[in-house]
């Protein structure tokens, strides 16, 4: 094994989803760092792997960097795993990877399952553009403020949520995004009670309030973007493009994007890129 850090994706439920490469890497590395050693030890036992295992979580990540850096520079190979899914995706590891990369250490991804992509693949919502927001704040006022900033997004929005907050999350979503906004909730992905719930925010909130089982487990909540259905989506894109063309003819690109964002409710950064493309075509 090359002396490096291997970011290894592990199953989010069904143990059969682990890849052959992930198993090979976990068997071959010198040391494994895990978000929760108890969880990872169960996986390793299932795979018949005995390996030196250490914890790496949000409370000790910074303190682990020096030891991991020293081990890799001494020739050891290190694997990083989270409790489930791909490391760093709403899980620990960002600080470690950033620190190692800045020191010239090779970081090698070993891809596999991610709840984010797994949910989107079966949701039935547009996936040409999506924004992953992960877990919003547990504090209601902060959560609602974040939702306010996102309610006009045209891309599909993806959130993670826990069982004890899912009801409050949907209540806030209904208040800010509107009762009729289309959403999909994926619950307990790849596990025995996996289920997808589809409908308006109002419909699914009513269903959740009347179904205790729907409030159990881990959730991926996907929210349709503004105007992201069928012909309406295509027409919105055409209207936005035409608006930008008109504004770019009369104004500097940055100002054109700012005005278009105010008129359409779309993200200014995205509109700025589109405006730059229009300007380059005109100048070319």
Protein backbone atom coordinates (compact mmCIF):
# COMPACT_ATOMS: atom_id res chain seq x y z
CA UNK A 1 0.00 0.00 0.00
CA UNK A 2 1.15 3.51 -0.81
CA UNK A 3 1.81 5.61 2.28
CA UNK A 4 -1.23 7.86 2.13
CA UNK A 5 -4.60 8.63 3.68
CA UNK A 6 -7.42 6.57 2.16
CA UNK A 7 -10.93 8.01 2.56
CA UNK A 8 -13.03 4.85 2.44
CA UNK A 9 -16.80 4.89 1.91
CA UNK A 10 -18.71 2.31 3.93
CA UNK A 11 -22.34 1.06 3.77
CA UNK A 12 -25.16 3.29 5.04
CA UNK A 13 -27.25 0.27 5.99
CA UNK A 14 -27.00 -2.80 3.79
CA UNK A 15 -23.58 -4.33 4.39
CA UNK A 16 -23.65 -5.82 0.90
CA UNK A 17 -23.09 -2.34 -0.53
CA UNK A 18 -19.42 -2.20 0.43
CA UNK A 19 -17.14 -2.35 -2.61
CA UNK A 20 -14.44 -4.94 -3.23
CA UNK A 21 -11.87 -2.16 -3.34
CA UNK A 22 -13.00 -0.80 0.04
CA UNK A 23 -12.61 -4.26 1.60
CA UNK A 24 -9.18 -4.64 0.02
CA UNK A 25 -8.01 -1.27 1.32
CA UNK A 26 -9.33 -1.92 4.84
CA UNK A 27 -7.52 -5.26 4.87
CA UNK A 28 -4.26 -3.75 3.64
CA UNK A 29 -3.78 -0.46 5.51
CA UNK A 30 -1.71 -0.27 8.66
CA UNK A 31 -4.21 1.69 10.74
CA UNK A 32 -7.89 2.67 10.53
CA UNK A 33 -9.30 5.86 11.99
CA UNK A 34 -13.06 5.77 12.59
CA UNK A 35 -15.76 8.19 13.69
CA UNK A 36 -16.97 5.63 16.26
CA UNK A 37 -14.72 2.63 16.79
CA UNK A 38 -17.63 0.54 18.11
CA UNK A 39 -19.58 0.97 14.89
CA UNK A 40 -16.57 0.31 12.67
CA UNK A 41 -15.49 -2.71 14.68
CA UNK A 42 -18.84 -4.35 13.90
CA UNK A 43 -18.23 -3.80 10.18
CA UNK A 44 -14.68 -5.12 10.40
CA UNK A 45 -15.86 -8.18 12.30
CA UNK A 46 -18.45 -8.81 9.60
CA UNK A 47 -15.67 -8.60 6.99
CA UNK A 48 -13.29 -10.77 9.01
CA UNK A 49 -10.75 -7.97 9.38
CA UNK A 50 -8.61 -7.38 12.45
CA UNK A 51 -6.85 -4.04 12.37
CA UNK A 52 -5.46 -1.33 14.64
CA UNK A 53 -8.41 0.99 15.17
CA UNK A 54 -8.47 4.53 16.55
CA UNK A 55 -11.17 7.17 16.90
CA UNK A 56 -11.38 10.39 14.90
CA UNK A 57 -14.41 12.57 15.55
CA UNK A 58 -15.31 16.23 15.85
CA UNK A 59 -13.89 16.52 19.37
CA UNK A 60 -10.42 15.04 18.74
CA UNK A 61 -9.85 15.52 14.99
CA UNK A 62 -7.42 18.43 15.30
CA UNK A 63 -5.41 16.58 17.94
CA UNK A 64 -5.06 13.52 15.66
CA UNK A 65 -3.46 15.36 12.73
CA UNK A 66 0.13 15.30 13.96
CA UNK A 67 0.12 11.56 14.71
CA UNK A 68 -1.44 10.70 11.35
CA UNK A 69 0.96 12.98 9.47
CA UNK A 70 3.93 11.40 11.24
CA UNK A 71 2.69 7.86 10.55
CA UNK A 72 2.23 8.52 6.82
CA UNK A 73 5.61 10.25 6.45
CA UNK A 74 7.13 7.22 8.20
CA UNK A 75 5.66 5.00 5.46
CA UNK A 76 2.38 3.84 6.95
CA UNK A 77 -0.96 3.70 5.13
CA UNK A 78 -4.01 5.06 6.96
CA UNK A 79 -7.71 4.57 6.25
CA UNK A 80 -10.39 7.05 7.35
CA UNK A 81 -13.99 5.88 7.69
CA UNK A 82 -17.16 7.41 9.12
CA UNK A 83 -19.99 5.52 10.79
CA UNK A 84 -21.76 5.19 7.44
CA UNK A 85 -21.32 6.54 3.93
CA UNK A 86 -18.54 8.69 2.51
CA UNK A 87 -16.17 10.42 4.94
CA UNK A 88 -16.39 14.23 5.20
CA UNK A 89 -19.97 14.34 3.82
CA UNK A 90 -21.69 15.67 6.98
CA UNK A 91 -19.09 13.64 8.86
CA UNK A 92 -15.63 14.30 10.38
CA UNK A 93 -12.48 14.50 8.26
CA UNK A 94 -12.45 17.93 6.62
CA UNK A 95 -9.89 19.39 9.02
CA UNK A 96 -7.64 16.33 8.72
CA UNK A 97 -7.75 16.13 4.94
CA UNK A 98 -7.14 19.87 4.59
CA UNK A 99 -4.15 19.71 6.92
CA UNK A 100 -2.59 16.71 5.18
CA UNK A 101 -3.10 18.11 1.68
CA UNK A 102 -1.46 21.37 2.73
CA UNK A 103 1.58 19.32 3.79
CA UNK A 104 1.79 17.47 0.48
CA UNK A 105 0.38 14.17 1.76
CA UNK A 106 -1.49 12.11 -0.83
CA UNK A 107 -5.20 11.62 -0.03
CA UNK A 108 -6.84 8.81 -2.01
CA UNK A 109 -10.64 8.48 -2.25
CA UNK A 110 -12.15 5.00 -2.21
CA UNK A 111 -15.68 5.71 -3.45
CA UNK A 112 -18.86 3.99 -2.49
CA UNK A 113 -22.22 4.73 -0.92
CA UNK A 114 -23.43 8.23 -0.05
CA UNK A 115 -26.94 8.81 1.31
CA UNK A 116 -27.11 12.04 -0.68
CA UNK A 117 -26.63 10.39 -4.09
CA UNK A 118 -28.55 7.24 -3.15
CA UNK A 119 -31.62 9.32 -2.26
CA UNK A 120 -31.45 11.53 -5.35
CA UNK A 121 -31.16 8.55 -7.69
CA UNK A 122 -34.63 7.31 -6.74
CA UNK A 123 -36.41 10.52 -5.72
CA UNK A 124 -37.87 11.49 -9.08
CA UNK A 125 -36.85 15.14 -8.67
CA UNK A 126 -34.56 16.98 -11.12
CA UNK A 127 -30.90 16.07 -10.64
CA UNK A 128 -29.32 18.24 -13.35
CA UNK A 129 -28.55 20.73 -10.58
CA UNK A 130 -28.82 20.18 -6.85
CA UNK A 131 -27.51 21.80 -3.68
CA UNK A 132 -26.53 19.72 -0.67
CA UNK A 133 -27.23 21.56 2.59
CA UNK A 134 -26.68 18.67 5.02
CA UNK A 135 -27.99 19.16 8.56
CA UNK A 136 -29.42 22.60 9.26
CA UNK A 137 -29.12 24.03 12.75
CA UNK A 138 -30.99 22.37 15.61
CA UNK A 139 -31.89 25.89 16.77
CA UNK A 140 -35.24 26.81 15.25
CA UNK A 141 -34.52 30.48 14.53
CA UNK A 142 -31.20 29.68 12.85
CA UNK A 143 -32.78 26.87 10.84
CA UNK A 144 -35.57 29.13 9.60
CA UNK A 145 -33.09 31.83 8.64
CA UNK A 146 -31.16 29.29 6.54
CA UNK A 147 -34.39 28.18 4.86
CA UNK A 148 -35.31 31.79 4.05
CA UNK A 149 -32.03 32.13 2.16
CA UNK A 150 -32.79 28.97 0.15
CA UNK A 151 -36.50 29.26 -0.64
CA UNK A 152 -35.97 30.85 -4.08
CA UNK A 153 -33.34 28.35 -5.26
CA UNK A 154 -34.11 26.73 -8.62
CA UNK A 155 -32.00 23.63 -7.99
CA UNK A 156 -33.18 20.62 -5.98
CA UNK A 157 -32.24 21.08 -2.33
CA UNK A 158 -31.04 18.14 -0.24
CA UNK A 159 -31.05 18.07 3.56
CA UNK A 160 -30.23 15.48 6.21
CA UNK A 161 -32.45 15.28 9.27
CA UNK A 162 -32.80 13.16 12.40
CA UNK A 163 -35.87 11.46 13.87
CA UNK A 164 -36.28 13.88 16.78
CA UNK A 165 -36.22 16.97 14.53
CA UNK A 166 -38.00 15.84 11.35
CA UNK A 167 -41.42 17.17 12.41
CA UNK A 168 -40.10 20.62 13.35
CA UNK A 169 -38.10 20.67 10.11
CA UNK A 170 -41.25 20.09 8.03
CA UNK A 171 -43.24 22.66 10.02
CA UNK A 172 -40.57 25.27 9.26
CA UNK A 173 -40.36 24.14 5.65
CA UNK A 174 -44.12 24.57 5.21
CA UNK A 175 -44.05 28.03 6.74
CA UNK A 176 -41.17 29.29 4.60
CA UNK A 177 -41.35 27.30 1.34
CA UNK A 178 -45.13 27.06 1.24
CA UNK A 179 -47.53 24.18 1.83
CA UNK A 180 -47.58 23.08 -1.82
CA UNK A 181 -43.82 22.85 -2.48
CA UNK A 182 -43.01 19.36 -3.81
CA UNK A 183 -40.73 17.29 -1.60
CA UNK A 184 -39.47 13.72 -1.29
CA UNK A 185 -38.42 12.15 2.02
CA UNK A 186 -36.16 9.10 1.97
CA UNK A 187 -36.17 7.19 5.25
CA UNK A 188 -33.78 4.43 6.40
CA UNK A 189 -32.01 4.11 3.04
CA UNK A 190 -30.81 0.57 2.14
CA UNK A 191 -32.16 -0.76 5.45
CA UNK A 192 -35.08 -3.12 6.10
CA UNK A 193 -37.65 -0.32 6.42
CA UNK A 194 -36.42 1.88 3.58
CA UNK A 195 -39.22 4.04 2.23
CA UNK A 196 -39.73 7.05 -0.03
CA UNK A 197 -42.55 9.50 0.72
CA UNK A 198 -43.56 11.85 -2.10
CA UNK A 199 -45.95 14.80 -2.16
CA UNK A 200 -46.39 18.39 -1.02
CA UNK A 201 -44.94 19.63 2.25
CA UNK A 202 -48.46 19.85 3.66
CA UNK A 203 -49.37 16.30 2.63
CA UNK A 204 -46.23 14.74 4.07
CA UNK A 205 -46.44 16.74 7.30
CA UNK A 206 -49.99 15.50 7.79
CA UNK A 207 -48.88 11.94 7.03
CA UNK A 208 -45.95 12.18 9.44
CA UNK A 209 -48.14 13.50 12.25
CA UNK A 210 -50.44 10.49 11.86
CA UNK A 211 -47.79 7.80 11.37
CA UNK A 212 -45.41 7.14 14.24
CA UNK A 213 -43.23 4.86 12.12
CA UNK A 214 -42.63 7.69 9.64
CA UNK A 215 -40.94 9.64 12.43
CA UNK A 216 -38.35 6.91 13.10
CA UNK A 217 -34.92 6.50 11.54
CA UNK A 218 -32.63 8.71 9.49
CA UNK A 219 -33.91 11.00 6.77
CA UNK A 220 -32.86 12.63 3.53
CA UNK A 221 -35.29 15.43 2.64
CA UNK A 222 -35.26 16.62 -0.98
CA UNK A 223 -37.08 19.79 -1.98
CA UNK A 224 -37.96 20.70 -5.56
CA UNK A 225 -36.49 23.98 -6.70
CA UNK A 226 -38.59 26.92 -7.82
CA UNK A 227 -40.00 26.26 -11.29
CA UNK A 228 -38.22 22.91 -11.66
CA UNK A 229 -40.95 20.87 -13.29
CA UNK A 230 -41.28 20.01 -16.98
CA UNK A 231 -41.98 22.76 -19.48
CA UNK A 232 -42.06 25.40 -16.74
CA UNK A 233 -38.40 24.69 -15.98
CA UNK A 234 -37.40 25.02 -19.64
CA UNK A 235 -39.39 28.23 -20.03
CA UNK A 236 -37.85 29.71 -16.88
CA UNK A 237 -34.35 29.00 -18.23
CA UNK A 238 -35.23 30.61 -21.57
CA UNK A 239 -36.74 33.69 -19.90
CA UNK A 240 -33.72 34.10 -17.64
CA UNK A 241 -31.29 33.78 -20.56
CA UNK A 242 -33.20 36.41 -22.56
CA UNK A 243 -33.32 38.76 -19.56
CA UNK A 244 -29.55 38.47 -19.11
CA UNK A 245 -28.93 39.13 -22.79
CA UNK A 246 -30.90 42.37 -22.57
CA UNK A 247 -29.22 43.49 -19.35
CA UNK A 248 -25.69 42.64 -20.54
CA UNK A 249 -26.27 44.78 -23.64
CA UNK A 250 -26.93 47.80 -21.43
CA UNK A 251 -25.00 47.23 -18.19
CA UNK A 252 -21.72 45.87 -16.79
CA UNK A 253 -21.85 42.11 -16.19
CA UNK A 254 -21.84 42.33 -12.38
CA UNK A 255 -24.68 44.85 -12.33
CA UNK A 256 -26.65 42.83 -14.87
CA UNK A 257 -26.34 39.71 -12.71
CA UNK A 258 -27.38 41.60 -9.57
CA UNK A 259 -30.53 42.98 -11.20
CA UNK A 260 -31.41 39.59 -12.74
CA UNK A 261 -31.05 37.94 -9.31
CA UNK A 262 -33.48 40.45 -7.79
CA UNK A 263 -36.00 39.96 -10.59
CA UNK A 264 -35.87 36.15 -10.80
CA UNK A 265 -34.96 35.10 -7.27
CA UNK A 266 -32.11 32.98 -8.65
CA UNK A 267 -28.59 32.82 -7.22
CA UNK A 268 -26.45 35.81 -8.20
CA UNK A 269 -23.26 33.74 -8.61
CA UNK A 270 -24.93 31.45 -11.14
CA UNK A 271 -26.41 34.39 -13.04
CA UNK A 272 -23.03 36.12 -13.05
CA UNK A 273 -21.45 33.09 -14.72
CA UNK A 274 -24.23 33.01 -17.32
CA UNK A 275 -23.83 36.73 -17.93
CA UNK A 276 -20.07 36.33 -18.40
CA UNK A 277 -20.69 33.61 -20.99
CA UNK A 278 -23.10 35.89 -22.86
CA UNK A 279 -20.58 38.78 -22.73
CA UNK A 280 -17.75 36.56 -24.00
CA UNK A 281 -19.87 35.36 -26.91
CA UNK A 282 -20.79 38.92 -27.83
CA UNK A 283 -17.16 40.08 -27.60
CA UNK A 284 -15.91 37.02 -29.47
